[in-house]
Amino acid sequence: MLEYVNLDLSIPQEEYKKRLRPLQQRLYELEHAVFDAKVPVIIIFEGWAATGKGRLISLLAERLDPRGFRVVPVTPPRTAETRHPWMWRFWLKIPARGQMVAFDTSWYRRVLIDRLNKTIKKDELRAAYQDIAEFEEMLSADGAVILKFWLHISEEDQKKRIKKLRKDKLTAWQVSEEDLLQNKRYEKFTTYVEDMIARTDSPHSPWTIVEGADRYYMRIKVFETVIASLEARLGLPASSGTKTKRQRAKKEMKGAVNA
């Protein structure tokens, strides 16, 4: 599946700068439309370490009203959280109707990172996938929009990015042992990702694989996908160019998932 992702896609910097601001403005308008329609929006970002999830999310939030948009960074469960069912801590972060939440990693940590660290048994993994399916189906049935993004880069690209981060004292802290292990076991982790996408992609909570080698292309694709999805959910006319982008994105995603 992921071997067919075209990592050569890119956007020139000048074009990126011209396109970003109108997309941010459109997302701001849609934030208010979401509030008026009382639709909860859940945006999940998963991906390889060093893909720039944090910067991407900050650009999404940059021009939004903070009263309607929240970012939830997900870390390993704390001691108090481990005393509850594993999904409990995510229930507490689900947006109210009319609110938007972006998860910087999410409940998918259970089937990715725990699997990488070998801290989850086979029966627990099966149960986790069942929990996720039921959780997302229930949220969707209650009216939530669920968008899931996998930010993809190559093994060599990730290695170079991690090395660059570690070399700078100001960014070295961003690299964790999990990040290093992820790159060391890139091929094995890829199979976990493909398994996750195949088992949890659905019409009510679709995955979008985002080509992340070029950060400008990655950001624009995410913006356009979010905007097109919200316009479709709210029954609003597509803004300039998003209709074509939505059709192309769906075609690309279908090809990647079915590969």
C-alpha atoms as a PDB file:
ATOM      1  CA  MET A   1       0.000   0.000   0.000  1.00  0.00           C
ATOM      2  CA  LEU A   2       2.423   2.689   1.184  1.00  0.00           C
ATOM      3  CA  GLU A   3       5.073   1.751  -1.364  1.00  0.00           C
ATOM      4  CA  TYR A   4       2.791   3.226  -4.043  1.00  0.00           C
ATOM      5  CA  VAL A   5       2.646   6.658  -2.407  1.00  0.00           C
ATOM      6  CA  ASN A   6       4.251   9.236  -4.707  1.00  0.00           C
ATOM      7  CA  LEU A   7       6.753  11.089  -2.545  1.00  0.00           C
ATOM      8  CA  ASP A   8       7.963  13.212  -5.464  1.00  0.00           C
ATOM      9  CA  LEU A   9       4.909  15.482  -5.294  1.00  0.00           C
ATOM     10  CA  SER A  10       5.794  19.055  -4.402  1.00  0.00           C
ATOM     11  CA  ILE A  11       4.638  22.663  -4.570  1.00  0.00           C
ATOM     12  CA  PRO A  12       6.941  25.651  -5.193  1.00  0.00           C
ATOM     13  CA  GLN A  13       7.326  27.921  -2.177  1.00  0.00           C
ATOM     14  CA  GLU A  14       5.824  30.955  -3.911  1.00  0.00           C
ATOM     15  CA  GLU A  15       2.747  29.007  -4.983  1.00  0.00           C
ATOM     16  CA  TYR A  16       2.408  27.648  -1.456  1.00  0.00           C
ATOM     17  CA  LYS A  17       2.461  31.145   0.013  1.00  0.00           C
ATOM     18  CA  LYS A  18      -0.238  32.309  -2.409  1.00  0.00           C
ATOM     19  CA  ARG A  19      -2.514  29.369  -1.654  1.00  0.00           C
ATOM     20  CA  LEU A  20      -2.112  29.103   2.113  1.00  0.00           C
ATOM     21  CA  ARG A  21      -3.780  32.336   3.249  1.00  0.00           C
ATOM     22  CA  PRO A  22      -7.045  31.828   1.271  1.00  0.00           C
ATOM     23  CA  LEU A  23      -7.261  28.280   2.641  1.00  0.00           C
ATOM     24  CA  GLN A  24      -6.799  29.538   6.191  1.00  0.00           C
ATOM     25  CA  GLN A  25      -9.519  32.118   5.608  1.00  0.00           C
ATOM     26  CA  ARG A  26     -11.897  29.493   4.211  1.00  0.00           C
ATOM     27  CA  LEU A  27     -11.267  27.220   7.188  1.00  0.00           C
ATOM     28  CA  TYR A  28     -12.046  30.148   9.500  1.00  0.00           C
ATOM     29  CA  GLU A  29     -15.381  30.629   7.718  1.00  0.00           C
ATOM     30  CA  LEU A  30     -16.125  26.921   7.995  1.00  0.00           C
ATOM     31  CA  GLU A  31     -15.319  26.965  11.704  1.00  0.00           C
ATOM     32  CA  HIS A  32     -18.232  29.357  12.184  1.00  0.00           C
ATOM     33  CA  ALA A  33     -20.446  27.283   9.891  1.00  0.00           C
ATOM     34  CA  VAL A  34     -19.609  24.204  11.973  1.00  0.00           C
ATOM     35  CA  PHE A  35     -20.598  26.100  15.116  1.00  0.00           C
ATOM     36  CA  ASP A  36     -23.910  27.217  13.601  1.00  0.00           C
ATOM     37  CA  ALA A  37     -24.681  23.676  12.413  1.00  0.00           C
ATOM     38  CA  LYS A  38     -23.678  22.190  15.800  1.00  0.00           C
ATOM     39  CA  VAL A  39     -21.440  19.613  14.118  1.00  0.00           C
ATOM     40  CA  PRO A  40     -18.515  18.194  16.136  1.00  0.00           C
ATOM     41  CA  VAL A  41     -15.337  17.814  14.083  1.00  0.00           C
ATOM     42  CA  ILE A  42     -12.500  15.420  14.937  1.00  0.00           C
ATOM     43  CA  ILE A  43      -9.249  15.667  12.968  1.00  0.00           C
ATOM     44  CA  ILE A  44      -6.653  12.992  13.669  1.00  0.00           C
ATOM     45  CA  PHE A  45      -3.005  13.325  12.703  1.00  0.00           C
ATOM     46  CA  GLU A  46      -0.839  10.235  12.677  1.00  0.00           C
ATOM     47  CA  GLY A  47       2.398   9.786  10.797  1.00  0.00           C
ATOM     48  CA  TRP A  48       6.079   9.129  10.919  1.00  0.00           C
ATOM     49  CA  ALA A  49       8.156  10.946  13.504  1.00  0.00           C
ATOM     50  CA  ALA A  50       9.706  14.161  12.114  1.00  0.00           C
ATOM     51  CA  THR A  51       7.021  14.745   9.475  1.00  0.00           C
ATOM     52  CA  GLY A  52       6.142  18.137  10.948  1.00  0.00           C
ATOM     53  CA  LYS A  53       2.772  17.352  12.512  1.00  0.00           C
ATOM     54  CA  GLY A  54       3.161  20.096  15.087  1.00  0.00           C
ATOM     55  CA  ARG A  55       3.843  22.841  12.555  1.00  0.00           C
ATOM     56  CA  LEU A  56       1.032  21.622  10.327  1.00  0.00           C
ATOM     57  CA  ILE A  57      -1.457  21.734  13.197  1.00  0.00           C
ATOM     58  CA  SER A  58      -0.279  25.198  14.240  1.00  0.00           C
ATOM     59  CA  LEU A  59      -0.939  26.445  10.693  1.00  0.00           C
ATOM     60  CA  LEU A  60      -4.434  24.968  10.807  1.00  0.00           C
ATOM     61  CA  ALA A  61      -5.100  26.742  14.089  1.00  0.00           C
ATOM     62  CA  GLU A  62      -3.326  29.994  13.222  1.00  0.00           C
ATOM     63  CA  ARG A  63      -6.346  31.982  12.013  1.00  0.00           C
ATOM     64  CA  LEU A  64      -9.086  30.077  13.822  1.00  0.00           C
ATOM     65  CA  ASP A  65     -11.102  31.261  16.811  1.00  0.00           C
ATOM     66  CA  PRO A  66      -9.565  29.428  19.806  1.00  0.00           C
ATOM     67  CA  ARG A  67     -13.019  29.190  21.360  1.00  0.00           C
ATOM     68  CA  GLY A  68     -13.999  26.749  18.637  1.00  0.00           C
ATOM     69  CA  PHE A  69     -10.759  24.909  17.886  1.00  0.00           C
ATOM     70  CA  ARG A  70      -8.642  22.889  20.295  1.00  0.00           C
ATOM     71  CA  VAL A  71      -5.450  20.853  19.922  1.00  0.00           C
ATOM     72  CA  VAL A  72      -4.986  17.657  21.941  1.00  0.00           C
ATOM     73  CA  PRO A  73      -1.415  16.306  22.062  1.00  0.00           C
ATOM     74  CA  VAL A  74      -1.457  12.639  23.015  1.00  0.00           C
ATOM     75  CA  THR A  75       1.282  11.222  25.233  1.00  0.00           C
ATOM     76  CA  PRO A  76       1.729   7.815  26.867  1.00  0.00           C
ATOM     77  CA  PRO A  77      -1.013   7.262  29.474  1.00  0.00           C
ATOM     78  CA  ARG A  78      -0.260   8.637  32.918  1.00  0.00           C
ATOM     79  CA  THR A  79      -0.602   6.568  36.082  1.00  0.00           C
ATOM     80  CA  ALA A  80      -4.103   7.830  36.866  1.00  0.00           C
ATOM     81  CA  GLU A  81      -5.229   7.159  33.285  1.00  0.00           C
ATOM     82  CA  THR A  82      -4.047   3.552  33.400  1.00  0.00           C
ATOM     83  CA  ARG A  83      -6.600   2.875  36.142  1.00  0.00           C
ATOM     84  CA  HIS A  84      -9.419   3.365  33.639  1.00  0.00           C
ATOM     85  CA  PRO A  85     -10.381   1.582  30.403  1.00  0.00           C
ATOM     86  CA  TRP A  86      -7.849   2.614  27.778  1.00  0.00           C
ATOM     87  CA  MET A  87     -10.316   4.695  25.730  1.00  0.00           C
ATOM     88  CA  TRP A  88     -11.448   6.683  28.776  1.00  0.00           C
ATOM     89  CA  ARG A  89      -8.906   9.469  28.383  1.00  0.00           C
ATOM     90  CA  PHE A  90      -9.962  10.078  24.782  1.00  0.00           C
ATOM     91  CA  TRP A  91     -13.636  10.307  25.675  1.00  0.00           C
ATOM     92  CA  LEU A  92     -12.741  13.311  27.842  1.00  0.00           C
ATOM     93  CA  LYS A  93     -11.278  15.147  24.831  1.00  0.00           C
ATOM     94  CA  ILE A  94     -14.067  14.608  22.289  1.00  0.00           C
ATOM     95  CA  PRO A  95     -15.405  17.967  21.026  1.00  0.00           C
ATOM     96  CA  ALA A  96     -18.831  19.275  21.909  1.00  0.00           C
ATOM     97  CA  ARG A  97     -21.289  19.938  19.092  1.00  0.00           C
ATOM     98  CA  GLY A  98     -20.084  22.875  17.038  1.00  0.00           C
ATOM     99  CA  GLN A  99     -16.473  22.487  18.184  1.00  0.00           C
ATOM    100  CA  MET A 100     -13.362  21.263  16.360  1.00  0.00           C
ATOM    101  CA  VAL A 101     -10.530  19.226  17.868  1.00  0.00           C
ATOM    102  CA  ALA A 102      -7.223  18.212  16.281  1.00  0.00           C
ATOM    103  CA  PHE A 103      -5.496  15.202  17.829  1.00  0.00           C
ATOM    104  CA  ASP A 104      -1.700  15.216  17.562  1.00  0.00           C
ATOM    105  CA  THR A 105      -1.599  11.409  17.491  1.00  0.00           C
ATOM    106  CA  SER A 106      -4.604   9.691  18.987  1.00  0.00           C
ATOM    107  CA  TRP A 107      -6.161   6.420  20.103  1.00  0.00           C
ATOM    108  CA  TYR A 108      -4.274   4.828  17.216  1.00  0.00           C
ATOM    109  CA  ARG A 109      -1.220   4.933  19.443  1.00  0.00           C
ATOM    110  CA  ARG A 110      -2.637   1.751  20.968  1.00  0.00           C
ATOM    111  CA  VAL A 111      -2.323  -0.230  17.722  1.00  0.00           C
ATOM    112  CA  LEU A 112       0.882   1.412  16.502  1.00  0.00           C
ATOM    113  CA  ILE A 113       3.263   2.474  19.268  1.00  0.00           C
ATOM    114  CA  ASP A 114       2.194  -0.187  21.752  1.00  0.00           C
ATOM    115  CA  ARG A 115       2.663  -2.736  18.998  1.00  0.00           C
ATOM    116  CA  LEU A 116       6.077  -1.308  18.146  1.00  0.00           C
ATOM    117  CA  ASN A 117       7.097  -1.462  21.807  1.00  0.00           C
ATOM    118  CA  LYS A 118       5.682  -4.984  22.108  1.00  0.00           C
ATOM    119  CA  THR A 119       3.529  -3.978  25.064  1.00  0.00           C
ATOM    120  CA  ILE A 120       0.257  -5.273  23.626  1.00  0.00           C
ATOM    121  CA  LYS A 121      -0.785  -8.907  23.228  1.00  0.00           C
ATOM    122  CA  LYS A 122      -2.551 -10.322  20.162  1.00  0.00           C
ATOM    123  CA  ASP A 123      -5.918 -10.592  21.894  1.00  0.00           C
ATOM    124  CA  GLU A 124      -5.529  -7.045  23.244  1.00  0.00           C
ATOM    125  CA  LEU A 125      -4.728  -5.813  19.742  1.00  0.00           C
ATOM    126  CA  ARG A 126      -7.881  -7.417  18.334  1.00  0.00           C
ATOM    127  CA  ALA A 127      -9.908  -5.911  21.165  1.00  0.00           C
ATOM    128  CA  ALA A 128      -8.352  -2.496  20.566  1.00  0.00           C
ATOM    129  CA  TYR A 129      -9.349  -2.538  16.908  1.00  0.00           C
ATOM    130  CA  GLN A 130     -12.883  -3.497  17.895  1.00  0.00           C
ATOM    131  CA  ASP A 131     -12.982  -0.683  20.462  1.00  0.00           C
ATOM    132  CA  ILE A 132     -11.802   1.830  17.868  1.00  0.00           C
ATOM    133  CA  ALA A 133     -14.346   0.706  15.268  1.00  0.00           C
ATOM    134  CA  GLU A 134     -17.223   0.948  17.740  1.00  0.00           C
ATOM    135  CA  PHE A 135     -15.970   4.270  19.125  1.00  0.00           C
ATOM    136  CA  GLU A 136     -15.740   5.957  15.728  1.00  0.00           C
ATOM    137  CA  GLU A 137     -19.002   4.460  14.505  1.00  0.00           C
ATOM    138  CA  MET A 138     -20.784   5.784  17.582  1.00  0.00           C
ATOM    139  CA  LEU A 139     -19.288   9.261  17.187  1.00  0.00           C
ATOM    140  CA  SER A 140     -20.228   9.336  13.513  1.00  0.00           C
ATOM    141  CA  ALA A 141     -23.777   8.183  14.247  1.00  0.00           C
ATOM    142  CA  ASP A 142     -24.027  11.082  16.687  1.00  0.00           C
ATOM    143  CA  GLY A 143     -23.170  13.501  13.886  1.00  0.00           C
ATOM    144  CA  ALA A 144     -19.407  13.904  14.191  1.00  0.00           C
ATOM    145  CA  VAL A 145     -17.145  14.490  11.210  1.00  0.00           C
ATOM    146  CA  ILE A 146     -14.044  12.311  11.585  1.00  0.00           C
ATOM    147  CA  LEU A 147     -11.012  12.955   9.386  1.00  0.00           C
ATOM    148  CA  LYS A 148      -7.845  10.888   9.744  1.00  0.00           C
ATOM    149  CA  PHE A 149      -4.483  11.699   8.175  1.00  0.00           C
ATOM    150  CA  TRP A 150      -1.384   9.563   7.820  1.00  0.00           C
ATOM    151  CA  LEU A 151       1.665  11.743   7.039  1.00  0.00           C
ATOM    152  CA  HIS A 152       4.081   9.645   5.030  1.00  0.00           C
ATOM    153  CA  ILE A 153       7.804   9.960   4.317  1.00  0.00           C
ATOM    154  CA  SER A 154      10.501   7.489   3.315  1.00  0.00           C
ATOM    155  CA  GLU A 155      12.839   5.679   5.684  1.00  0.00           C
ATOM    156  CA  GLU A 156      15.883   7.597   4.469  1.00  0.00           C
ATOM    157  CA  ASP A 157      14.086  10.940   4.643  1.00  0.00           C
ATOM    158  CA  GLN A 158      12.997  10.246   8.203  1.00  0.00           C
ATOM    159  CA  LYS A 159      16.528   9.266   9.189  1.00  0.00           C
ATOM    160  CA  LYS A 160      17.895  12.548   7.790  1.00  0.00           C
ATOM    161  CA  ARG A 161      15.238  14.609   9.552  1.00  0.00           C
ATOM    162  CA  ILE A 162      15.836  12.919  12.894  1.00  0.00           C
ATOM    163  CA  LYS A 163      19.592  13.402  12.530  1.00  0.00           C
ATOM    164  CA  LYS A 164      19.084  17.100  11.805  1.00  0.00           C
ATOM    165  CA  LEU A 165      16.818  17.537  14.835  1.00  0.00           C
ATOM    166  CA  ARG A 166      19.252  15.765  17.155  1.00  0.00           C
ATOM    167  CA  LYS A 167      22.198  17.809  15.897  1.00  0.00           C
ATOM    168  CA  ASP A 168      20.593  21.092  17.011  1.00  0.00           C
ATOM    169  CA  LYS A 169      20.466  21.644  20.775  1.00  0.00           C
ATOM    170  CA  LEU A 170      17.255  23.621  20.368  1.00  0.00           C
ATOM    171  CA  THR A 171      15.416  20.738  18.688  1.00  0.00           C
ATOM    172  CA  ALA A 172      17.156  17.638  20.044  1.00  0.00           C
ATOM    173  CA  TRP A 173      14.519  17.314  22.774  1.00  0.00           C
ATOM    174  CA  GLN A 174      11.889  16.651  20.108  1.00  0.00           C
ATOM    175  CA  VAL A 175      13.392  13.250  19.285  1.00  0.00           C
ATOM    176  CA  SER A 176      12.297  10.444  21.604  1.00  0.00           C
ATOM    177  CA  GLU A 177      13.478   6.882  21.976  1.00  0.00           C
ATOM    178  CA  GLU A 178      10.225   5.836  20.303  1.00  0.00           C
ATOM    179  CA  ASP A 179      11.128   7.966  17.284  1.00  0.00           C
ATOM    180  CA  LEU A 180      14.508   6.279  16.993  1.00  0.00           C
ATOM    181  CA  LEU A 181      12.946   2.842  17.338  1.00  0.00           C
ATOM    182  CA  GLN A 182      10.342   3.726  14.723  1.00  0.00           C
ATOM    183  CA  ASN A 183      13.057   4.515  12.194  1.00  0.00           C
ATOM    184  CA  LYS A 184      15.143   1.500  13.170  1.00  0.00           C
ATOM    185  CA  ARG A 185      12.148  -0.756  12.567  1.00  0.00           C
ATOM    186  CA  TYR A 186      10.746   1.245   9.644  1.00  0.00           C
ATOM    187  CA  GLU A 187       9.747  -1.737   7.506  1.00  0.00           C
ATOM    188  CA  LYS A 188       8.023  -3.550  10.362  1.00  0.00           C
ATOM    189  CA  PHE A 189       6.274  -0.379  11.485  1.00  0.00           C
ATOM    190  CA  THR A 190       5.085   0.140   7.903  1.00  0.00           C
ATOM    191  CA  THR A 191       3.234  -3.177   8.101  1.00  0.00           C
ATOM    192  CA  TYR A 192       1.552  -1.989  11.307  1.00  0.00           C
ATOM    193  CA  VAL A 193       0.461   1.225   9.590  1.00  0.00           C
ATOM    194  CA  GLU A 194      -0.901  -0.597   6.557  1.00  0.00           C
ATOM    195  CA  ASP A 195      -2.772  -2.996   8.828  1.00  0.00           C
ATOM    196  CA  MET A 196      -4.236  -0.060  10.747  1.00  0.00           C
ATOM    197  CA  ILE A 197      -5.422   1.747   7.625  1.00  0.00           C
ATOM    198  CA  ALA A 198      -6.885  -1.398   6.069  1.00  0.00           C
ATOM    199  CA  ARG A 199      -8.789  -2.283   9.243  1.00  0.00           C
ATOM    200  CA  THR A 200     -10.073   1.166  10.206  1.00  0.00           C
ATOM    201  CA  ASP A 201     -10.703   3.029   6.948  1.00  0.00           C
ATOM    202  CA  SER A 202     -14.447   3.488   6.505  1.00  0.00           C
ATOM    203  CA  PRO A 203     -16.906   5.870   4.821  1.00  0.00           C
ATOM    204  CA  HIS A 204     -17.717   7.532   8.153  1.00  0.00           C
ATOM    205  CA  SER A 205     -14.078   7.845   9.290  1.00  0.00           C
ATOM    206  CA  PRO A 206     -11.799   7.760   6.233  1.00  0.00           C
ATOM    207  CA  TRP A 207      -8.037   7.797   6.150  1.00  0.00           C
ATOM    208  CA  THR A 208      -6.171  10.180   3.860  1.00  0.00           C
ATOM    209  CA  ILE A 209      -2.571   9.265   3.108  1.00  0.00           C
ATOM    210  CA  VAL A 210      -0.584  12.481   2.733  1.00  0.00           C
ATOM    211  CA  GLU A 211       2.643  12.642   0.776  1.00  0.00           C
ATOM    212  CA  GLY A 212       4.959  14.352   3.251  1.00  0.00           C
ATOM    213  CA  ALA A 213       8.351  14.602   1.548  1.00  0.00           C
ATOM    214  CA  ASP A 214       7.582  18.196   0.559  1.00  0.00           C
ATOM    215  CA  ARG A 215       6.152  20.088   3.528  1.00  0.00           C
ATOM    216  CA  TYR A 216       4.403  22.631   1.320  1.00  0.00           C
ATOM    217  CA  TYR A 217       2.543  19.964  -0.620  1.00  0.00           C
ATOM    218  CA  MET A 218       1.662  18.136   2.602  1.00  0.00           C
ATOM    219  CA  ARG A 219       0.165  21.222   4.238  1.00  0.00           C
ATOM    220  CA  ILE A 220      -1.872  22.283   1.217  1.00  0.00           C
ATOM    221  CA  LYS A 221      -3.272  18.778   0.745  1.00  0.00           C
ATOM    222  CA  VAL A 222      -4.374  18.597   4.371  1.00  0.00           C
ATOM    223  CA  PHE A 223      -6.010  22.025   4.236  1.00  0.00           C
ATOM    224  CA  GLU A 224      -7.856  21.204   1.016  1.00  0.00           C
ATOM    225  CA  THR A 225      -9.011  17.821   2.308  1.00  0.00           C
ATOM    226  CA  VAL A 226     -10.349  19.275   5.560  1.00  0.00           C
ATOM    227  CA  ILE A 227     -12.085  22.119   3.757  1.00  0.00           C
ATOM    228  CA  ALA A 228     -13.623  19.904   1.072  1.00  0.00           C
ATOM    229  CA  SER A 229     -14.851  17.419   3.685  1.00  0.00           C
ATOM    230  CA  LEU A 230     -16.478  20.116   5.818  1.00  0.00           C
ATOM    231  CA  GLU A 231     -18.086  21.761   2.783  1.00  0.00           C
ATOM    232  CA  ALA A 232     -19.541  18.406   1.759  1.00  0.00           C
ATOM    233  CA  ARG A 233     -20.786  17.624   5.280  1.00  0.00           C
ATOM    234  CA  LEU A 234     -22.408  21.043   5.666  1.00  0.00           C
ATOM    235  CA  GLY A 235     -23.898  21.009   2.175  1.00  0.00           C
ATOM    236  CA  LEU A 236     -21.988  24.125   1.149  1.00  0.00           C
ATOM    237  CA  PRO A 237     -20.768  24.840  -2.380  1.00  0.00           C
ATOM    238  CA  ALA A 238     -17.144  23.899  -2.908  1.00  0.00           C
ATOM    239  CA  SER A 239     -14.757  26.824  -2.790  1.00  0.00           C
ATOM    240  CA  SER A 240     -12.552  27.514  -5.807  1.00  0.00           C
ATOM    241  CA  GLY A 241     -10.696  24.395  -6.852  1.00  0.00           C
ATOM    242  CA  THR A 242     -11.718  22.183  -3.939  1.00  0.00           C
ATOM    243  CA  LYS A 243     -14.224  20.143  -5.913  1.00  0.00           C
ATOM    244  CA  THR A 244     -11.514  18.909  -8.275  1.00  0.00           C
ATOM    245  CA  LYS A 245      -9.097  18.457  -5.392  1.00  0.00           C
ATOM    246  CA  ARG A 246     -11.672  16.415  -3.468  1.00  0.00           C
ATOM    247  CA  GLN A 247     -12.293  14.111  -6.417  1.00  0.00           C
ATOM    248  CA  ARG A 248      -8.563  13.635  -6.990  1.00  0.00           C
ATOM    249  CA  ALA A 249      -7.899  13.052  -3.282  1.00  0.00           C
ATOM    250  CA  LYS A 250     -10.608  10.397  -3.100  1.00  0.00           C
ATOM    251  CA  LYS A 251      -9.183   8.667  -6.171  1.00  0.00           C
ATOM    252  CA  GLU A 252      -5.638   8.749  -4.749  1.00  0.00           C
ATOM    253  CA  MET A 253      -6.802   7.483  -1.374  1.00  0.00           C
ATOM    254  CA  LYS A 254      -8.819   4.648  -2.904  1.00  0.00           C
ATOM    255  CA  GLY A 255      -5.841   3.578  -4.963  1.00  0.00           C
ATOM    256  CA  ALA A 256      -3.482   3.665  -1.989  1.00  0.00           C
ATOM    257  CA  VAL A 257      -5.789   1.772   0.367  1.00  0.00           C
ATOM    258  CA  ASN A 258      -6.652  -0.882  -2.212  1.00  0.00           C
ATOM    259  CA  ALA A 259      -3.054  -1.331  -3.358  1.00  0.00           C
END
